[in-house]
């Protein structure tokens, strides 16, 4: 009898503990105070720099706003490409995906309560080494010439212009599954494939480095990264239009792309605090200082 009563009391106690825990709902759960970003190698350095500036300025979330938790600000950023950023968001391994292209309808459909935050605008410049002879005689390539260069139809520089030397054209691209290449394929190549001899760089920084080290190289360099390496590479006009903030914004420069942060569901308070910073005057000045076009 004693044993039965003890077990009954024990069971009741367990039931009360479970009910109390359930009744408190999310109030007892510790609020997540770190933010994880994954994706575009163009956008990742921007968010990293913004995160560093934000952390150095405030240190703790409650210093941003007294209603936020008394916890250290932790912002983790990893690059791996726009497509990988979408996958990380879907897999739940990142809070946000970093995407330097338009998000596809098929991708949006997979993301529950899809949210998109535009933090800047970029473009792809057709860039060569300043020591490439083309930089001295031409400042413009047509879309058709660019297509023939990147497809491998033009194999040597004198095929682009007879006055150029008959040296081999070295084509450099981002990895063909990345966001930058998707934009280039859509805006320039269409159904034509890039030559299988192209060097695929793992990041936009690596792509620009290849152009800097090889005077016969040509690649599509991010406008922001090109600005960061001004004087080390030479950007050609496309169809007579130079890549400038004005031509990128008004669409007359055709190879442009948005810089997007993609999420699922409404922002938490700490996420909103950092996102507000990114889109504030301070955040937009930082984006502009890195060579990209601010959204306002």
Protein backbone atom coordinates (compact mmCIF):
# COMPACT_ATOMS: atom_id res chain seq x y z
CA UNK A 1 0.00 0.00 0.00
CA UNK A 2 2.80 2.38 0.96
CA UNK A 3 4.59 1.60 -2.28
CA UNK A 4 1.47 2.32 -4.36
CA UNK A 5 0.90 5.66 -2.59
CA UNK A 6 4.54 6.66 -3.05
CA UNK A 7 4.43 5.86 -6.76
CA UNK A 8 1.19 7.82 -7.15
CA UNK A 9 2.68 10.86 -5.42
CA UNK A 10 5.85 10.53 -7.50
CA UNK A 11 3.81 10.34 -10.71
CA UNK A 12 1.76 13.38 -9.66
CA UNK A 13 4.95 15.32 -8.90
CA UNK A 14 6.39 14.47 -12.31
CA UNK A 15 3.13 15.53 -13.92
CA UNK A 16 3.19 18.88 -12.12
CA UNK A 17 6.81 19.53 -13.11
CA UNK A 18 5.99 18.75 -16.78
CA UNK A 19 2.87 20.95 -16.67
CA UNK A 20 4.79 23.83 -15.15
CA UNK A 21 7.47 23.56 -17.79
CA UNK A 22 4.86 23.49 -20.56
CA UNK A 23 2.88 26.31 -19.02
CA UNK A 24 5.87 28.65 -19.10
CA UNK A 25 6.25 28.07 -22.84
CA UNK A 26 9.09 30.07 -24.38
CA UNK A 27 9.51 32.26 -21.31
CA UNK A 28 12.01 29.90 -19.71
CA UNK A 29 13.90 29.17 -22.93
CA UNK A 30 17.11 31.13 -23.30
CA UNK A 31 16.81 33.56 -26.18
CA UNK A 32 19.25 32.86 -29.03
CA UNK A 33 21.69 35.76 -29.11
CA UNK A 34 24.14 34.71 -31.83
CA UNK A 35 23.46 35.22 -35.55
CA UNK A 36 24.85 32.99 -38.30
CA UNK A 37 25.21 33.99 -41.97
CA UNK A 38 26.35 31.71 -44.80
CA UNK A 39 26.68 32.23 -48.54
CA UNK A 40 27.98 34.62 -51.21
CA UNK A 41 31.73 35.22 -51.14
CA UNK A 42 31.03 38.76 -52.39
CA UNK A 43 28.58 39.64 -49.63
CA UNK A 44 30.26 37.70 -46.79
CA UNK A 45 33.13 40.21 -46.32
CA UNK A 46 30.60 43.05 -46.21
CA UNK A 47 28.56 41.41 -43.44
CA UNK A 48 31.77 40.43 -41.64
CA UNK A 49 32.99 44.03 -41.63
CA UNK A 50 29.59 45.34 -40.55
CA UNK A 51 29.44 42.70 -37.80
CA UNK A 52 32.90 43.68 -36.55
CA UNK A 53 32.02 47.39 -36.50
CA UNK A 54 28.69 46.67 -34.78
CA UNK A 55 30.32 44.43 -32.14
CA UNK A 56 33.13 46.90 -31.44
CA UNK A 57 30.63 49.72 -31.01
CA UNK A 58 28.21 47.92 -28.68
CA UNK A 59 29.78 44.74 -27.30
CA UNK A 60 26.55 43.49 -25.72
CA UNK A 61 23.01 43.41 -27.09
CA UNK A 62 21.57 45.45 -24.22
CA UNK A 63 23.95 48.27 -25.15
CA UNK A 64 22.18 48.50 -28.51
CA UNK A 65 18.81 48.61 -26.78
CA UNK A 66 18.10 48.11 -23.08
CA UNK A 67 15.24 45.73 -23.91
CA UNK A 68 17.67 43.26 -25.52
CA UNK A 69 19.48 40.50 -23.57
CA UNK A 70 22.54 41.17 -21.43
CA UNK A 71 24.69 38.93 -23.66
CA UNK A 72 27.72 39.31 -25.87
CA UNK A 73 27.06 40.08 -29.53
CA UNK A 74 28.20 37.11 -31.65
CA UNK A 75 27.89 37.32 -35.44
CA UNK A 76 29.28 34.41 -37.45
CA UNK A 77 29.81 34.76 -41.21
CA UNK A 78 30.99 32.02 -43.58
CA UNK A 79 31.33 32.20 -47.37
CA UNK A 80 30.50 29.34 -49.71
CA UNK A 81 28.48 30.74 -52.59
CA UNK A 82 24.92 32.00 -53.04
CA UNK A 83 23.43 28.56 -53.68
CA UNK A 84 25.15 27.18 -50.60
CA UNK A 85 23.69 30.08 -48.61
CA UNK A 86 20.17 29.08 -49.63
CA UNK A 87 20.92 25.44 -48.76
CA UNK A 88 22.31 26.38 -45.33
CA UNK A 89 19.11 28.32 -44.60
CA UNK A 90 16.95 25.36 -45.69
CA UNK A 91 19.07 22.91 -43.66
CA UNK A 92 18.87 25.08 -40.57
CA UNK A 93 22.66 25.38 -40.33
CA UNK A 94 22.47 29.17 -40.76
CA UNK A 95 19.99 31.83 -39.69
CA UNK A 96 20.42 33.69 -42.98
CA UNK A 97 21.63 33.00 -46.49
CA UNK A 98 23.81 35.53 -48.29
CA UNK A 99 22.86 35.75 -51.96
CA UNK A 100 24.45 37.91 -54.68
CA UNK A 101 21.83 37.31 -57.38
CA UNK A 102 18.07 37.20 -57.70
CA UNK A 103 16.54 34.35 -55.68
CA UNK A 104 14.80 31.81 -57.90
CA UNK A 105 11.07 31.16 -57.54
CA UNK A 106 11.82 27.48 -56.91
CA UNK A 107 14.09 28.47 -54.01
CA UNK A 108 11.56 30.88 -52.52
CA UNK A 109 8.89 28.17 -52.56
CA UNK A 110 11.05 25.90 -50.38
CA UNK A 111 11.70 28.54 -47.71
CA UNK A 112 8.97 28.78 -45.09
CA UNK A 113 7.72 32.37 -44.69
CA UNK A 114 10.39 33.67 -47.10
CA UNK A 115 11.94 36.99 -46.15
CA UNK A 116 14.37 39.06 -48.24
CA UNK A 117 16.48 42.05 -47.20
CA UNK A 118 18.31 44.02 -49.90
CA UNK A 119 21.44 45.64 -48.46
CA UNK A 120 23.25 46.76 -51.61
CA UNK A 121 23.75 46.47 -55.37
CA UNK A 122 26.74 45.05 -57.21
CA UNK A 123 27.72 44.55 -60.84
CA UNK A 124 30.17 42.35 -62.73
CA UNK A 125 32.84 44.25 -64.62
CA UNK A 126 34.75 42.71 -67.53
CA UNK A 127 38.27 43.11 -66.18
CA UNK A 128 41.77 42.57 -67.55
CA UNK A 129 45.29 43.15 -66.28
CA UNK A 130 46.35 46.80 -66.90
CA UNK A 131 49.43 45.46 -68.73
CA UNK A 132 47.24 43.64 -71.23
CA UNK A 133 47.72 45.45 -74.58
CA UNK A 134 43.92 45.67 -74.99
CA UNK A 135 43.83 48.21 -72.16
CA UNK A 136 45.87 50.60 -74.32
CA UNK A 137 43.81 50.39 -77.52
CA UNK A 138 40.24 49.59 -76.41
CA UNK A 139 38.05 50.51 -73.47
CA UNK A 140 34.95 48.68 -74.68
CA UNK A 141 33.75 45.20 -75.64
CA UNK A 142 30.37 44.30 -77.09
CA UNK A 143 28.26 41.58 -75.50
CA UNK A 144 28.95 39.42 -78.55
CA UNK A 145 32.72 39.84 -78.19
CA UNK A 146 32.53 38.97 -74.51
CA UNK A 147 30.50 35.86 -75.30
CA UNK A 148 33.07 34.76 -77.91
CA UNK A 149 35.94 35.33 -75.45
CA UNK A 150 34.36 33.42 -72.58
CA UNK A 151 33.04 30.58 -74.76
CA UNK A 152 36.50 29.99 -76.20
CA UNK A 153 35.52 30.92 -79.76
CA UNK A 154 38.18 33.63 -79.53
CA UNK A 155 41.30 31.78 -78.38
CA UNK A 156 43.92 34.49 -78.79
CA UNK A 157 43.80 38.26 -78.23
CA UNK A 158 44.44 39.13 -81.88
CA UNK A 159 41.08 37.53 -82.70
CA UNK A 160 39.46 40.23 -80.56
CA UNK A 161 41.43 42.93 -82.39
CA UNK A 162 44.02 42.31 -85.16
CA UNK A 163 46.42 44.84 -83.62
CA UNK A 164 46.75 42.74 -80.44
CA UNK A 165 49.40 40.02 -80.03
CA UNK A 166 48.52 36.39 -80.79
CA UNK A 167 48.79 35.38 -77.14
CA UNK A 168 46.36 32.92 -75.56
CA UNK A 169 43.33 34.38 -73.77
CA UNK A 170 43.16 33.09 -70.19
CA UNK A 171 39.52 33.07 -69.05
CA UNK A 172 38.84 33.27 -65.31
CA UNK A 173 35.38 32.72 -63.79
CA UNK A 174 33.85 32.05 -60.41
CA UNK A 175 32.83 28.45 -59.80
CA UNK A 176 30.10 27.66 -62.29
CA UNK A 177 27.57 26.84 -59.56
CA UNK A 178 27.97 30.21 -57.83
CA UNK A 179 25.72 33.26 -57.90
CA UNK A 180 28.15 35.44 -59.87
CA UNK A 181 28.36 32.93 -62.68
CA UNK A 182 24.58 32.55 -62.80
CA UNK A 183 24.28 36.31 -63.31
CA UNK A 184 26.99 36.32 -66.01
CA UNK A 185 25.41 33.34 -67.75
CA UNK A 186 22.00 35.04 -67.81
CA UNK A 187 23.13 38.54 -68.79
CA UNK A 188 25.85 37.67 -71.33
CA UNK A 189 26.18 34.01 -72.26
CA UNK A 190 22.54 32.95 -72.61
CA UNK A 191 22.50 29.33 -73.83
CA UNK A 192 26.21 29.39 -74.72
CA UNK A 193 28.50 27.61 -72.26
CA UNK A 194 31.75 29.01 -70.90
CA UNK A 195 34.85 27.27 -72.23
CA UNK A 196 35.91 24.20 -70.26
CA UNK A 197 39.43 25.69 -70.21
CA UNK A 198 38.28 28.51 -67.92
CA UNK A 199 39.98 28.78 -64.54
CA UNK A 200 37.30 28.58 -61.84
CA UNK A 201 38.20 30.75 -58.86
CA UNK A 202 36.80 29.81 -55.42
CA UNK A 203 36.01 33.41 -54.51
CA UNK A 204 35.77 36.83 -56.13
CA UNK A 205 38.99 37.85 -54.41
CA UNK A 206 40.75 34.83 -55.92
CA UNK A 207 39.34 35.68 -59.36
CA UNK A 208 40.76 39.21 -59.19
CA UNK A 209 44.09 37.84 -57.94
CA UNK A 210 44.31 35.64 -61.06
CA UNK A 211 43.79 38.70 -63.28
CA UNK A 212 46.41 40.68 -61.36
CA UNK A 213 49.03 37.95 -61.74
CA UNK A 214 48.44 37.16 -65.45
CA UNK A 215 48.46 39.91 -68.09
CA UNK A 216 46.63 37.66 -70.57
CA UNK A 217 43.75 36.96 -68.19
CA UNK A 218 40.18 38.25 -68.42
CA UNK A 219 37.38 37.71 -65.94
CA UNK A 220 34.14 39.15 -64.58
CA UNK A 221 35.17 41.00 -61.43
CA UNK A 222 32.64 42.21 -58.89
CA UNK A 223 32.27 46.00 -59.07
CA UNK A 224 32.92 46.25 -55.33
CA UNK A 225 36.02 44.04 -55.41
CA UNK A 226 37.24 45.84 -58.56
CA UNK A 227 36.94 49.16 -56.69
CA UNK A 228 38.95 47.68 -53.82
CA UNK A 229 41.69 46.79 -56.34
CA UNK A 230 41.58 50.02 -58.35
CA UNK A 231 44.72 50.43 -60.48
CA UNK A 232 45.52 46.72 -60.29
CA UNK A 233 42.88 45.72 -62.85
CA UNK A 234 41.31 47.49 -65.83
CA UNK A 235 37.53 47.40 -66.32
CA UNK A 236 36.19 47.56 -69.86
CA UNK A 237 32.89 49.12 -70.87
CA UNK A 238 30.15 46.72 -71.97
CA UNK A 239 28.27 47.78 -75.12
CA UNK A 240 29.69 51.27 -74.65
CA UNK A 241 28.49 51.64 -71.03
CA UNK A 242 30.92 51.92 -68.12
CA UNK A 243 30.03 50.42 -64.75
CA UNK A 244 29.31 53.41 -62.47
CA UNK A 245 26.94 53.85 -59.54
CA UNK A 246 24.55 55.74 -61.83
CA UNK A 247 24.54 53.21 -64.70
CA UNK A 248 24.26 50.27 -62.30
CA UNK A 249 21.28 51.77 -60.46
CA UNK A 250 19.43 52.87 -63.61
CA UNK A 251 20.05 49.52 -65.32
CA UNK A 252 21.93 50.84 -68.36
CA UNK A 253 24.93 48.77 -67.29
CA UNK A 254 23.51 45.33 -67.98
CA UNK A 255 25.55 42.95 -65.77
CA UNK A 256 24.24 43.92 -62.35
CA UNK A 257 22.94 42.00 -59.33
CA UNK A 258 21.37 42.62 -55.92
CA UNK A 259 23.10 41.85 -52.62
CA UNK A 260 20.48 40.04 -50.54
CA UNK A 261 20.16 38.57 -47.08
CA UNK A 262 17.53 35.83 -47.12
CA UNK A 263 15.72 34.51 -44.06
CA UNK A 264 12.78 32.41 -42.92
CA UNK A 265 10.10 33.93 -40.71
CA UNK A 266 10.01 37.15 -38.76
CA UNK A 267 13.20 38.58 -37.29
CA UNK A 268 13.99 38.08 -33.62
CA UNK A 269 14.75 41.23 -31.63
CA UNK A 270 18.53 40.77 -31.86
CA UNK A 271 18.35 39.94 -35.58
CA UNK A 272 16.28 43.06 -36.22
CA UNK A 273 18.80 45.18 -34.29
CA UNK A 274 21.66 44.05 -36.55
CA UNK A 275 19.58 44.23 -39.73
CA UNK A 276 18.54 47.78 -38.83
CA UNK A 277 22.24 48.62 -38.44
CA UNK A 278 23.09 47.16 -41.87
CA UNK A 279 20.44 49.35 -43.48
CA UNK A 280 21.16 52.44 -41.37
CA UNK A 281 23.26 55.35 -42.66
CA UNK A 282 26.31 53.92 -40.88
CA UNK A 283 25.81 50.46 -42.39
CA UNK A 284 25.17 51.82 -45.88
CA UNK A 285 28.28 54.03 -45.68
CA UNK A 286 30.29 50.94 -44.81
CA UNK A 287 28.84 49.08 -47.81
CA UNK A 288 29.67 52.06 -50.04
CA UNK A 289 33.21 52.24 -48.61
CA UNK A 290 33.72 48.63 -49.68
CA UNK A 291 32.93 49.59 -53.27
CA UNK A 292 29.30 48.52 -53.52
CA UNK A 293 26.20 50.59 -54.24
CA UNK A 294 24.04 51.38 -51.18
CA UNK A 295 20.30 50.82 -51.48
CA UNK A 296 19.34 54.30 -50.33
